[in-house]
Amino acid sequence: QEQLVESGGGLVQAGGSLRLSCAASGSILSTNAMAWYRQAPGKQRELVATITVGGDTYIADSVKGRFTIVRDNAANTVALQMNSLKPEDTAVYYCNALTDYGLLEWGRGTQVTVSA
């Protein structure tokens, strides 16, 4: 059923790090640009980072310098490395594929909670 599966979330203290992983069915990850989004309580889902098939990346200003997006080819996953975490980073994090037909059905996401 699941085309996108996020993992790696958890509870961390401010200043800590967390690495999220995104696995996708078939050749989704190898043929599409991928993206990480997040949605905090009461807020809209926002784009956090993207990575093209060729490896070019985009990082949102709000997390630039702290987060990086990386393709882990060996594991066939796309990771979001989160460093220097802040309480405002608390959200459910989702990954998705930027296909020619739009985004895929959203996965369950993974919860990231950063305590002060």
PDB file of N, CA and C in Angstrom:
ATOM      1  N   GLN A   1       0.816  -1.208   0.000  1.00  0.00           N
ATOM      2  CA  GLN A   1       0.000   0.000   0.000  1.00  0.00           C
ATOM      3  C   GLN A   1       0.852   1.262   0.000  1.00  0.00           C
ATOM      4  N   GLU A   2       1.794   1.323   0.923  1.00  0.00           N
ATOM      5  CA  GLU A   2       2.597   2.518   1.104  1.00  0.00           C
ATOM      6  C   GLU A   2       3.631   2.704   0.005  1.00  0.00           C
ATOM      7  N   GLN A   3       3.576   3.875  -0.647  1.00  0.00           N
ATOM      8  CA  GLN A   3       4.573   4.207  -1.655  1.00  0.00           C
ATOM      9  C   GLN A   3       5.719   4.981  -1.021  1.00  0.00           C
ATOM     10  N   LEU A   4       5.408   5.695   0.057  1.00  0.00           N
ATOM     11  CA  LEU A   4       6.385   6.507   0.757  1.00  0.00           C
ATOM     12  C   LEU A   4       6.373   6.162   2.237  1.00  0.00           C
ATOM     13  N   VAL A   5       7.538   5.893   2.775  1.00  0.00           N
ATOM     14  CA  VAL A   5       7.647   5.540   4.181  1.00  0.00           C
ATOM     15  C   VAL A   5       8.742   6.362   4.834  1.00  0.00           C
ATOM     16  N   GLU A   6       8.350   7.211   5.767  1.00  0.00           N
ATOM     17  CA  GLU A   6       9.300   8.044   6.495  1.00  0.00           C
ATOM     18  C   GLU A   6       9.649   7.386   7.826  1.00  0.00           C
ATOM     19  N   SER A   7      10.863   7.581   8.266  1.00  0.00           N
ATOM     20  CA  SER A   7      11.297   7.034   9.538  1.00  0.00           C
ATOM     21  C   SER A   7      12.409   7.889  10.129  1.00  0.00           C
ATOM     22  N   GLY A   8      12.720   7.642  11.380  1.00  0.00           N
ATOM     23  CA  GLY A   8      13.820   8.328  12.023  1.00  0.00           C
ATOM     24  C   GLY A   8      13.451   9.443  12.977  1.00  0.00           C
ATOM     25  N   GLY A   9      12.181   9.767  13.067  1.00  0.00           N
ATOM     26  CA  GLY A   9      11.761  10.835  13.961  1.00  0.00           C
ATOM     27  C   GLY A   9      11.891  10.426  15.417  1.00  0.00           C
ATOM     28  N   GLY A  10      11.744  11.406  16.287  1.00  0.00           N
ATOM     29  CA  GLY A  10      11.845  11.134  17.703  1.00  0.00           C
ATOM     30  C   GLY A  10      11.876  12.396  18.520  1.00  0.00           C
ATOM     31  N   LEU A  11      12.159  12.236  19.796  1.00  0.00           N
ATOM     32  CA  LEU A  11      12.247  13.358  20.726  1.00  0.00           C
ATOM     33  C   LEU A  11      13.710  13.677  20.986  1.00  0.00           C
ATOM     34  N   VAL A  12      14.084  14.924  20.746  1.00  0.00           N
ATOM     35  CA  VAL A  12      15.462  15.355  20.980  1.00  0.00           C
ATOM     36  C   VAL A  12      15.479  16.705  21.670  1.00  0.00           C
ATOM     37  N   GLN A  13      16.587  16.991  22.328  1.00  0.00           N
ATOM     38  CA  GLN A  13      16.754  18.285  22.972  1.00  0.00           C
ATOM     39  C   GLN A  13      17.232  19.317  21.962  1.00  0.00           C
ATOM     40  N   ALA A  14      16.942  20.575  22.231  1.00  0.00           N
ATOM     41  CA  ALA A  14      17.410  21.651  21.368  1.00  0.00           C
ATOM     42  C   ALA A  14      18.924  21.546  21.225  1.00  0.00           C
ATOM     43  N   GLY A  15      19.384  21.730  19.995  1.00  0.00           N
ATOM     44  CA  GLY A  15      20.802  21.627  19.729  1.00  0.00           C
ATOM     45  C   GLY A  15      21.218  20.246  19.263  1.00  0.00           C
ATOM     46  N   GLY A  16      20.327  19.300  19.396  1.00  0.00           N
ATOM     47  CA  GLY A  16      20.621  17.941  18.998  1.00  0.00           C
ATOM     48  C   GLY A  16      20.454  17.701  17.513  1.00  0.00           C
ATOM     49  N   SER A  17      20.700  16.470  17.106  1.00  0.00           N
ATOM     50  CA  SER A  17      20.605  16.101  15.700  1.00  0.00           C
ATOM     51  C   SER A  17      19.717  14.892  15.500  1.00  0.00           C
ATOM     52  N   LEU A  18      19.199  14.777  14.300  1.00  0.00           N
ATOM     53  CA  LEU A  18      18.348  13.664  13.941  1.00  0.00           C
ATOM     54  C   LEU A  18      18.478  13.460  12.442  1.00  0.00           C
ATOM     55  N   ARG A  19      18.427  12.218  12.014  1.00  0.00           N
ATOM     56  CA  ARG A  19      18.506  11.914  10.591  1.00  0.00           C
ATOM     57  C   ARG A  19      17.247  11.159  10.190  1.00  0.00           C
ATOM     58  N   LEU A  20      16.469  11.764   9.320  1.00  0.00           N
ATOM     59  CA  LEU A  20      15.244  11.155   8.838  1.00  0.00           C
ATOM     60  C   LEU A  20      15.517  10.440   7.521  1.00  0.00           C
ATOM     61  N   SER A  21      14.805   9.353   7.290  1.00  0.00           N
ATOM     62  CA  SER A  21      14.969   8.600   6.056  1.00  0.00           C
ATOM     63  C   SER A  21      13.640   8.443   5.348  1.00  0.00           C
ATOM     64  N   CYS A  22      13.692   8.411   4.033  1.00  0.00           N
ATOM     65  CA  CYS A  22      12.510   8.232   3.203  1.00  0.00           C
ATOM     66  C   CYS A  22      12.760   7.103   2.221  1.00  0.00           C
ATOM     67  N   ALA A  23      11.913   6.110   2.273  1.00  0.00           N
ATOM     68  CA  ALA A  23      11.992   5.001   1.333  1.00  0.00           C
ATOM     69  C   ALA A  23      10.771   5.072   0.428  1.00  0.00           C
ATOM     70  N   ALA A  24      10.943   4.731  -0.831  1.00  0.00           N
ATOM     71  CA  ALA A  24       9.843   4.770  -1.788  1.00  0.00           C
ATOM     72  C   ALA A  24       9.823   3.522  -2.643  1.00  0.00           C
ATOM     73  N   SER A  25       8.669   3.209  -3.169  1.00  0.00           N
ATOM     74  CA  SER A  25       8.490   2.018  -3.987  1.00  0.00           C
ATOM     75  C   SER A  25       9.191   2.108  -5.338  1.00  0.00           C
ATOM     76  N   GLY A  26       9.622   0.960  -5.832  1.00  0.00           N
ATOM     77  CA  GLY A  26      10.202   0.862  -7.157  1.00  0.00           C
ATOM     78  C   GLY A  26      11.328   1.824  -7.450  1.00  0.00           C
ATOM     79  N   SER A  27      11.193   2.500  -8.587  1.00  0.00           N
ATOM     80  CA  SER A  27      12.226   3.431  -9.035  1.00  0.00           C
ATOM     81  C   SER A  27      11.877   4.891  -8.767  1.00  0.00           C
ATOM     82  N   ILE A  28      10.951   5.116  -7.874  1.00  0.00           N
ATOM     83  CA  ILE A  28      10.513   6.476  -7.572  1.00  0.00           C
ATOM     84  C   ILE A  28      11.676   7.397  -7.212  1.00  0.00           C
ATOM     85  N   LEU A  29      12.516   6.945  -6.307  1.00  0.00           N
ATOM     86  CA  LEU A  29      13.617   7.777  -5.843  1.00  0.00           C
ATOM     87  C   LEU A  29      14.679   8.044  -6.900  1.00  0.00           C
ATOM     88  N   SER A  30      14.888   7.110  -7.787  1.00  0.00           N
ATOM     89  CA  SER A  30      15.931   7.255  -8.794  1.00  0.00           C
ATOM     90  C   SER A  30      15.497   8.013 -10.040  1.00  0.00           C
ATOM     91  N   THR A  31      14.205   8.198 -10.215  1.00  0.00           N
ATOM     92  CA  THR A  31      13.702   8.858 -11.413  1.00  0.00           C
ATOM     93  C   THR A  31      13.017  10.197 -11.167  1.00  0.00           C
ATOM     94  N   ASN A  32      12.932  10.605  -9.927  1.00  0.00           N
ATOM     95  CA  ASN A  32      12.273  11.871  -9.598  1.00  0.00           C
ATOM     96  C   ASN A  32      13.069  12.695  -8.605  1.00  0.00           C
ATOM     97  N   ALA A  33      12.864  13.981  -8.676  1.00  0.00           N
ATOM     98  CA  ALA A  33      13.400  14.844  -7.639  1.00  0.00           C
ATOM     99  C   ALA A  33      12.600  14.493  -6.389  1.00  0.00           C
ATOM    100  N   MET A  34      13.223  14.603  -5.237  1.00  0.00           N
ATOM    101  CA  MET A  34      12.559  14.279  -3.989  1.00  0.00           C
ATOM    102  C   MET A  34      12.536  15.494  -3.079  1.00  0.00           C
ATOM    103  N   ALA A  35      11.588  15.497  -2.171  1.00  0.00           N
ATOM    104  CA  ALA A  35      11.440  16.627  -1.271  1.00  0.00           C
ATOM    105  C   ALA A  35      11.041  16.197   0.127  1.00  0.00           C
ATOM    106  N   TRP A  36      11.421  17.002   1.090  1.00  0.00           N
ATOM    107  CA  TRP A  36      10.983  16.840   2.469  1.00  0.00           C
ATOM    108  C   TRP A  36      10.112  18.036   2.820  1.00  0.00           C
ATOM    109  N   TYR A  37       9.007  17.776   3.475  1.00  0.00           N
ATOM    110  CA  TYR A  37       8.090  18.800   3.943  1.00  0.00           C
ATOM    111  C   TYR A  37       7.892  18.612   5.439  1.00  0.00           C
ATOM    112  N   ARG A  38       7.332  19.615   6.074  1.00  0.00           N
ATOM    113  CA  ARG A  38       6.981  19.458   7.479  1.00  0.00           C
ATOM    114  C   ARG A  38       5.696  20.224   7.762  1.00  0.00           C
ATOM    115  N   GLN A  39       4.980  19.773   8.761  1.00  0.00           N
ATOM    116  CA  GLN A  39       3.745  20.422   9.148  1.00  0.00           C
ATOM    117  C   GLN A  39       3.666  20.474  10.670  1.00  0.00           C
ATOM    118  N   ALA A  40       3.691  21.677  11.187  1.00  0.00           N
ATOM    119  CA  ALA A  40       3.573  21.891  12.621  1.00  0.00           C
ATOM    120  C   ALA A  40       2.097  22.028  12.972  1.00  0.00           C
ATOM    121  N   PRO A  41       1.733  21.790  14.218  1.00  0.00           N
ATOM    122  CA  PRO A  41       0.333  21.905  14.634  1.00  0.00           C
ATOM    123  C   PRO A  41      -0.259  23.266  14.291  1.00  0.00           C
ATOM    124  N   GLY A  42      -1.419  23.265  13.640  1.00  0.00           N
ATOM    125  CA  GLY A  42      -2.086  24.503  13.298  1.00  0.00           C
ATOM    126  C   GLY A  42      -1.490  25.266  12.135  1.00  0.00           C
ATOM    127  N   LYS A  43      -0.508  24.697  11.485  1.00  0.00           N
ATOM    128  CA  LYS A  43       0.136  25.365  10.363  1.00  0.00           C
ATOM    129  C   LYS A  43       0.036  24.542   9.086  1.00  0.00           C
ATOM    130  N   GLN A  44       0.262  25.203   7.961  1.00  0.00           N
ATOM    131  CA  GLN A  44       0.247  24.523   6.681  1.00  0.00           C
ATOM    132  C   GLN A  44       1.525  23.715   6.505  1.00  0.00           C
ATOM    133  N   ARG A  45       1.450  22.728   5.649  1.00  0.00           N
ATOM    134  CA  ARG A  45       2.625  21.947   5.324  1.00  0.00           C
ATOM    135  C   ARG A  45       3.575  22.849   4.539  1.00  0.00           C
ATOM    136  N   GLU A  46       4.840  22.841   4.898  1.00  0.00           N
ATOM    137  CA  GLU A  46       5.808  23.676   4.221  1.00  0.00           C
ATOM    138  C   GLU A  46       6.964  22.862   3.654  1.00  0.00           C
ATOM    139  N   LEU A  47       7.510  23.353   2.568  1.00  0.00           N
ATOM    140  CA  LEU A  47       8.634  22.695   1.932  1.00  0.00           C
ATOM    141  C   LEU A  47       9.906  22.983   2.712  1.00  0.00           C
ATOM    142  N   VAL A  48      10.659  21.947   2.988  1.00  0.00           N
ATOM    143  CA  VAL A  48      11.890  22.076   3.755  1.00  0.00           C
ATOM    144  C   VAL A  48      13.124  21.971   2.866  1.00  0.00           C
ATOM    145  N   ALA A  49      13.136  20.980   1.996  1.00  0.00           N
ATOM    146  CA  ALA A  49      14.290  20.762   1.133  1.00  0.00           C
ATOM    147  C   ALA A  49      13.938  19.897  -0.056  1.00  0.00           C
ATOM    148  N   THR A  50      14.690  20.047  -1.140  1.00  0.00           N
ATOM    149  CA  THR A  50      14.512  19.207  -2.314  1.00  0.00           C
ATOM    150  C   THR A  50      15.872  18.769  -2.824  1.00  0.00           C
ATOM    151  N   ILE A  51      15.866  17.674  -3.562  1.00  0.00           N
ATOM    152  CA  ILE A  51      17.087  17.193  -4.195  1.00  0.00           C
ATOM    153  C   ILE A  51      16.709  16.605  -5.543  1.00  0.00           C
ATOM    154  N   THR A  52      17.421  17.005  -6.592  1.00  0.00           N
ATOM    155  CA  THR A  52      17.143  16.518  -7.936  1.00  0.00           C
ATOM    156  C   THR A  52      17.779  15.162  -8.141  1.00  0.00           C
ATOM    157  N   VAL A  53      17.468  14.557  -9.280  1.00  0.00           N
ATOM    158  CA  VAL A  53      18.066  13.273  -9.620  1.00  0.00           C
ATOM    159  C   VAL A  53      19.579  13.418  -9.688  1.00  0.00           C
ATOM    160  N   GLY A  54      20.030  14.555 -10.188  1.00  0.00           N
ATOM    161  CA  GLY A  54      21.453  14.805 -10.314  1.00  0.00           C
ATOM    162  C   GLY A  54      22.143  15.219  -9.030  1.00  0.00           C
ATOM    163  N   GLY A  55      21.362  15.479  -7.987  1.00  0.00           N
ATOM    164  CA  GLY A  55      21.948  15.828  -6.706  1.00  0.00           C
ATOM    165  C   GLY A  55      21.947  17.295  -6.322  1.00  0.00           C
ATOM    166  N   ASP A  56      21.371  18.143  -7.166  1.00  0.00           N
ATOM    167  CA  ASP A  56      21.277  19.557  -6.816  1.00  0.00           C
ATOM    168  C   ASP A  56      20.250  19.708  -5.700  1.00  0.00           C
ATOM    169  N   THR A  57      20.538  20.564  -4.744  1.00  0.00           N
ATOM    170  CA  THR A  57      19.652  20.713  -3.597  1.00  0.00           C
ATOM    171  C   THR A  57      19.122  22.118  -3.390  1.00  0.00           C
ATOM    172  N   TYR A  58      17.985  22.168  -2.726  1.00  0.00           N
ATOM    173  CA  TYR A  58      17.378  23.421  -2.300  1.00  0.00           C
ATOM    174  C   TYR A  58      17.064  23.249  -0.822  1.00  0.00           C
ATOM    175  N   ILE A  59      17.411  24.239  -0.034  1.00  0.00           N
ATOM    176  CA  ILE A  59      17.140  24.205   1.398  1.00  0.00           C
ATOM    177  C   ILE A  59      16.395  25.476   1.764  1.00  0.00           C
ATOM    178  N   ALA A  60      15.292  25.333   2.452  1.00  0.00           N
ATOM    179  CA  ALA A  60      14.511  26.491   2.870  1.00  0.00           C
ATOM    180  C   ALA A  60      15.328  27.378   3.805  1.00  0.00           C
ATOM    181  N   ASP A  61      15.104  28.682   3.701  1.00  0.00           N
ATOM    182  CA  ASP A  61      15.853  29.632   4.514  1.00  0.00           C
ATOM    183  C   ASP A  61      15.733  29.358   6.017  1.00  0.00           C
ATOM    184  N   SER A  62      14.579  28.888   6.430  1.00  0.00           N
ATOM    185  CA  SER A  62      14.343  28.652   7.842  1.00  0.00           C
ATOM    186  C   SER A  62      15.237  27.567   8.450  1.00  0.00           C
ATOM    187  N   VAL A  63      15.749  26.694   7.603  1.00  0.00           N
ATOM    188  CA  VAL A  63      16.585  25.603   8.105  1.00  0.00           C
ATOM    189  C   VAL A  63      17.956  25.563   7.450  1.00  0.00           C
ATOM    190  N   LYS A  64      18.217  26.513   6.574  1.00  0.00           N
ATOM    191  CA  LYS A  64      19.492  26.551   5.866  1.00  0.00           C
ATOM    192  C   LYS A  64      20.648  26.678   6.847  1.00  0.00           C
ATOM    193  N   GLY A  65      21.674  25.883   6.597  1.00  0.00           N
ATOM    194  CA  GLY A  65      22.825  25.885   7.477  1.00  0.00           C
ATOM    195  C   GLY A  65      22.708  24.868   8.582  1.00  0.00           C
ATOM    196  N   ARG A  66      21.513  24.323   8.767  1.00  0.00           N
ATOM    197  CA  ARG A  66      21.282  23.332   9.812  1.00  0.00           C
ATOM    198  C   ARG A  66      20.844  21.993   9.240  1.00  0.00           C
ATOM    199  N   PHE A  67      20.035  22.033   8.198  1.00  0.00           N
ATOM    200  CA  PHE A  67      19.527  20.814   7.569  1.00  0.00           C
ATOM    201  C   PHE A  67      20.193  20.589   6.222  1.00  0.00           C
ATOM    202  N   THR A  68      20.349  19.333   5.853  1.00  0.00           N
ATOM    203  CA  THR A  68      20.829  18.978   4.530  1.00  0.00           C
ATOM    204  C   THR A  68      20.005  17.805   4.022  1.00  0.00           C
ATOM    205  N   ILE A  69      19.850  17.718   2.718  1.00  0.00           N
ATOM    206  CA  ILE A  69      19.125  16.610   2.114  1.00  0.00           C
ATOM    207  C   ILE A  69      20.125  15.816   1.276  1.00  0.00           C
ATOM    208  N   VAL A  70      20.100  14.521   1.437  1.00  0.00           N
ATOM    209  CA  VAL A  70      21.085  13.663   0.793  1.00  0.00           C
ATOM    210  C   VAL A  70      20.456  12.381   0.260  1.00  0.00           C
ATOM    211  N   ARG A  71      20.896  11.971  -0.907  1.00  0.00           N
ATOM    212  CA  ARG A  71      20.484  10.672  -1.431  1.00  0.00           C
ATOM    213  C   ARG A  71      21.465   9.631  -0.922  1.00  0.00           C
ATOM    214  N   ASP A  72      20.941   8.599  -0.302  1.00  0.00           N
ATOM    215  CA  ASP A  72      21.752   7.487   0.159  1.00  0.00           C
ATOM    216  C   ASP A  72      21.534   6.369  -0.849  1.00  0.00           C
ATOM    217  N   ASN A  73      22.348   6.361  -1.878  1.00  0.00           N
ATOM    218  CA  ASN A  73      22.181   5.395  -2.960  1.00  0.00           C
ATOM    219  C   ASN A  73      22.303   3.936  -2.524  1.00  0.00           C
ATOM    220  N   ALA A  74      23.181   3.687  -1.570  1.00  0.00           N
ATOM    221  CA  ALA A  74      23.374   2.324  -1.088  1.00  0.00           C
ATOM    222  C   ALA A  74      22.097   1.785  -0.456  1.00  0.00           C
ATOM    223  N   ALA A  75      21.407   2.638   0.248  1.00  0.00           N
ATOM    224  CA  ALA A  75      20.178   2.228   0.919  1.00  0.00           C
ATOM    225  C   ALA A  75      18.929   2.532   0.102  1.00  0.00           C
ATOM    226  N   ASN A  76      19.101   3.199  -1.022  1.00  0.00           N
ATOM    227  CA  ASN A  76      17.997   3.624  -1.875  1.00  0.00           C
ATOM    228  C   ASN A  76      16.985   4.428  -1.065  1.00  0.00           C
ATOM    229  N   THR A  77      17.496   5.416  -0.363  1.00  0.00           N
ATOM    230  CA  THR A  77      16.646   6.289   0.427  1.00  0.00           C
ATOM    231  C   THR A  77      17.104   7.730   0.245  1.00  0.00           C
ATOM    232  N   VAL A  78      16.264   8.642   0.676  1.00  0.00           N
ATOM    233  CA  VAL A  78      16.609  10.056   0.706  1.00  0.00           C
ATOM    234  C   VAL A  78      16.546  10.473   2.158  1.00  0.00           C
ATOM    235  N   ALA A  79      17.612  11.055   2.639  1.00  0.00           N
ATOM    236  CA  ALA A  79      17.682  11.434   4.036  1.00  0.00           C
ATOM    237  C   ALA A  79      17.627  12.933   4.245  1.00  0.00           C
ATOM    238  N   LEU A  80      17.141  13.306   5.403  1.00  0.00           N
ATOM    239  CA  LEU A  80      17.158  14.704   5.826  1.00  0.00           C
ATOM    240  C   LEU A  80      17.974  14.722   7.102  1.00  0.00           C
ATOM    241  N   GLN A  81      19.174  15.261   7.020  1.00  0.00           N
ATOM    242  CA  GLN A  81      20.034  15.377   8.183  1.00  0.00           C
ATOM    243  C   GLN A  81      19.707  16.686   8.883  1.00  0.00           C
ATOM    244  N   MET A  82      19.292  16.604  10.124  1.00  0.00           N
ATOM    245  CA  MET A  82      18.858  17.754  10.888  1.00  0.00           C
ATOM    246  C   MET A  82      19.813  17.988  12.056  1.00  0.00           C
ATOM    247  N   ASN A  83      20.513  19.107  12.016  1.00  0.00           N
ATOM    248  CA  ASN A  83      21.448  19.461  13.076  1.00  0.00           C
ATOM    249  C   ASN A  83      21.002  20.750  13.752  1.00  0.00           C
ATOM    250  N   SER A  84      21.549  20.994  14.923  1.00  0.00           N
ATOM    251  CA  SER A  84      21.238  22.213  15.683  1.00  0.00           C
ATOM    252  C   SER A  84      19.735  22.443  15.758  1.00  0.00           C
ATOM    253  N   LEU A  85      19.025  21.413  16.116  1.00  0.00           N
ATOM    254  CA  LEU A  85      17.568  21.481  16.150  1.00  0.00           C
ATOM    255  C   LEU A  85      17.045  22.491  17.159  1.00  0.00           C
ATOM    256  N   LYS A  86      15.951  23.121  16.784  1.00  0.00           N
ATOM    257  CA  LYS A  86      15.296  24.121  17.610  1.00  0.00           C
ATOM    258  C   LYS A  86      13.865  23.685  17.898  1.00  0.00           C
ATOM    259  N   PRO A  87      13.269  24.178  18.977  1.00  0.00           N
ATOM    260  CA  PRO A  87      11.880  23.819  19.281  1.00  0.00           C
ATOM    261  C   PRO A  87      10.925  24.105  18.117  1.00  0.00           C
ATOM    262  N   GLU A  88      11.182  25.156  17.367  1.00  0.00           N
ATOM    263  CA  GLU A  88      10.326  25.491  16.243  1.00  0.00           C
ATOM    264  C   GLU A  88      10.419  24.507  15.080  1.00  0.00           C
ATOM    265  N   ASP A  89      11.348  23.575  15.171  1.00  0.00           N
ATOM    266  CA  ASP A  89      11.452  22.530  14.152  1.00  0.00           C
ATOM    267  C   ASP A  89      10.473  21.397  14.434  1.00  0.00           C
ATOM    268  N   THR A  90       9.827  21.448  15.583  1.00  0.00           N
ATOM    269  CA  THR A  90       8.865  20.419  15.953  1.00  0.00           C
ATOM    270  C   THR A  90       7.739  20.360  14.924  1.00  0.00           C
ATOM    271  N   ALA A  91       7.540  19.196  14.347  1.00  0.00           N
ATOM    272  CA  ALA A  91       6.539  19.013  13.304  1.00  0.00           C
ATOM    273  C   ALA A  91       6.517  17.563  12.866  1.00  0.00           C
ATOM    274  N   VAL A  92       5.537  17.245  12.050  1.00  0.00           N
ATOM    275  CA  VAL A  92       5.521  15.946  11.402  1.00  0.00           C
ATOM    276  C   VAL A  92       6.227  16.161  10.073  1.00  0.00           C
ATOM    277  N   TYR A  93       7.213  15.349   9.792  1.00  0.00           N
ATOM    278  CA  TYR A  93       7.991  15.484   8.574  1.00  0.00           C
ATOM    279  C   TYR A  93       7.573  14.443   7.547  1.00  0.00           C
ATOM    280  N   TYR A  94       7.367  14.892   6.325  1.00  0.00           N
ATOM    281  CA  TYR A  94       6.946  14.035   5.233  1.00  0.00           C
ATOM    282  C   TYR A  94       7.912  14.142   4.060  1.00  0.00           C
ATOM    283  N   CYS A  95       8.027  13.076   3.299  1.00  0.00           N
ATOM    284  CA  CYS A  95       8.792  13.143   2.063  1.00  0.00           C
ATOM    285  C   CYS A  95       7.818  12.927   0.914  1.00  0.00           C
ATOM    286  N   ASN A  96       8.219  13.324  -0.280  1.00  0.00           N
ATOM    287  CA  ASN A  96       7.395  13.077  -1.448  1.00  0.00           C
ATOM    288  C   ASN A  96       8.247  13.191  -2.704  1.00  0.00           C
ATOM    289  N   ALA A  97       7.699  12.710  -3.808  1.00  0.00           N
ATOM    290  CA  ALA A  97       8.383  12.740  -5.092  1.00  0.00           C
ATOM    291  C   ALA A  97       7.785  13.823  -5.964  1.00  0.00           C
ATOM    292  N   LEU A  98       8.632  14.587  -6.615  1.00  0.00           N
ATOM    293  CA  LEU A  98       8.175  15.652  -7.508  1.00  0.00           C
ATOM    294  C   LEU A  98       8.105  15.082  -8.918  1.00  0.00           C
ATOM    295  N   THR A  99       7.023  14.367  -9.187  1.00  0.00           N
ATOM    296  CA  THR A  99       6.858  13.691 -10.470  1.00  0.00           C
ATOM    297  C   THR A  99       6.264  14.622 -11.524  1.00  0.00           C
ATOM    298  N   ASP A 100       6.216  14.133 -12.761  1.00  0.00           N
ATOM    299  CA  ASP A 100       5.627  14.904 -13.853  1.00  0.00           C
ATOM    300  C   ASP A 100       4.132  15.105 -13.655  1.00  0.00           C
ATOM    301  N   TYR A 101       3.540  14.313 -12.772  1.00  0.00           N
ATOM    302  CA  TYR A 101       2.108  14.366 -12.531  1.00  0.00           C
ATOM    303  C   TYR A 101       1.762  14.919 -11.152  1.00  0.00           C
ATOM    304  N   GLY A 102       2.730  15.507 -10.525  1.00  0.00           N
ATOM    305  CA  GLY A 102       2.507  16.060  -9.210  1.00  0.00           C
ATOM    306  C   GLY A 102       3.027  15.154  -8.110  1.00  0.00           C
ATOM    307  N   LEU A 103       2.611  15.448  -6.898  1.00  0.00           N
ATOM    308  CA  LEU A 103       3.048  14.675  -5.751  1.00  0.00           C
ATOM    309  C   LEU A 103       2.298  13.353  -5.633  1.00  0.00           C
ATOM    310  N   LEU A 104       2.902  12.426  -4.939  1.00  0.00           N
ATOM    311  CA  LEU A 104       2.271  11.144  -4.677  1.00  0.00           C
ATOM    312  C   LEU A 104       1.399  11.285  -3.438  1.00  0.00           C
ATOM    313  N   GLU A 105       0.660  10.238  -3.146  1.00  0.00           N
ATOM    314  CA  GLU A 105      -0.151  10.241  -1.936  1.00  0.00           C
ATOM    315  C   GLU A 105       0.788  10.371  -0.735  1.00  0.00           C
ATOM    316  N   TRP A 106       0.413  11.234   0.195  1.00  0.00           N
ATOM    317  CA  TRP A 106       1.245  11.448   1.373  1.00  0.00           C
ATOM    318  C   TRP A 106       1.350  10.205   2.239  1.00  0.00           C
ATOM    319  N   GLY A 107       2.531  10.005   2.777  1.00  0.00           N
ATOM    320  CA  GLY A 107       2.736   8.904   3.692  1.00  0.00           C
ATOM    321  C   GLY A 107       2.296   9.314   5.083  1.00  0.00           C
ATOM    322  N   ARG A 108       2.631   8.518   6.075  1.00  0.00           N
ATOM    323  CA  ARG A 108       2.239   8.815   7.450  1.00  0.00           C
ATOM    324  C   ARG A 108       3.074   9.920   8.076  1.00  0.00           C
ATOM    325  N   GLY A 109       4.260  10.113   7.553  1.00  0.00           N
ATOM    326  CA  GLY A 109       5.161  11.100   8.117  1.00  0.00           C
ATOM    327  C   GLY A 109       5.838  10.546   9.361  1.00  0.00           C
ATOM    328  N   THR A 110       6.780  11.300   9.881  1.00  0.00           N
ATOM    329  CA  THR A 110       7.455  10.903  11.108  1.00  0.00           C
ATOM    330  C   THR A 110       7.550  12.122  12.017  1.00  0.00           C
ATOM    331  N   GLN A 111       7.200  11.934  13.275  1.00  0.00           N
ATOM    332  CA  GLN A 111       7.151  13.036  14.231  1.00  0.00           C
ATOM    333  C   GLN A 111       8.525  13.407  14.759  1.00  0.00           C
ATOM    334  N   VAL A 112       8.812  14.692  14.715  1.00  0.00           N
ATOM    335  CA  VAL A 112      10.046  15.224  15.291  1.00  0.00           C
ATOM    336  C   VAL A 112       9.633  16.214  16.368  1.00  0.00           C
ATOM    337  N   THR A 113      10.078  15.969  17.575  1.00  0.00           N
ATOM    338  CA  THR A 113       9.761  16.856  18.681  1.00  0.00           C
ATOM    339  C   THR A 113      11.061  17.329  19.311  1.00  0.00           C
ATOM    340  N   VAL A 114      11.229  18.631  19.372  1.00  0.00           N
ATOM    341  CA  VAL A 114      12.435  19.220  19.931  1.00  0.00           C
ATOM    342  C   VAL A 114      12.088  19.961  21.210  1.00  0.00           C
ATOM    343  N   SER A 115      12.660  19.543  22.309  1.00  0.00           N
ATOM    344  CA  SER A 115      12.394  20.165  23.595  1.00  0.00           C
ATOM    345  C   SER A 115      13.419  21.248  23.900  1.00  0.00           C
ATOM    346  N   ALA A 116      12.970  22.282  24.590  1.00  0.00           N
ATOM    347  CA  ALA A 116      13.844  23.391  24.942  1.00  0.00           C
ATOM    348  C   ALA A 116      14.727  23.049  26.137  1.00  0.00           C
TER     349      ALA A 116
END
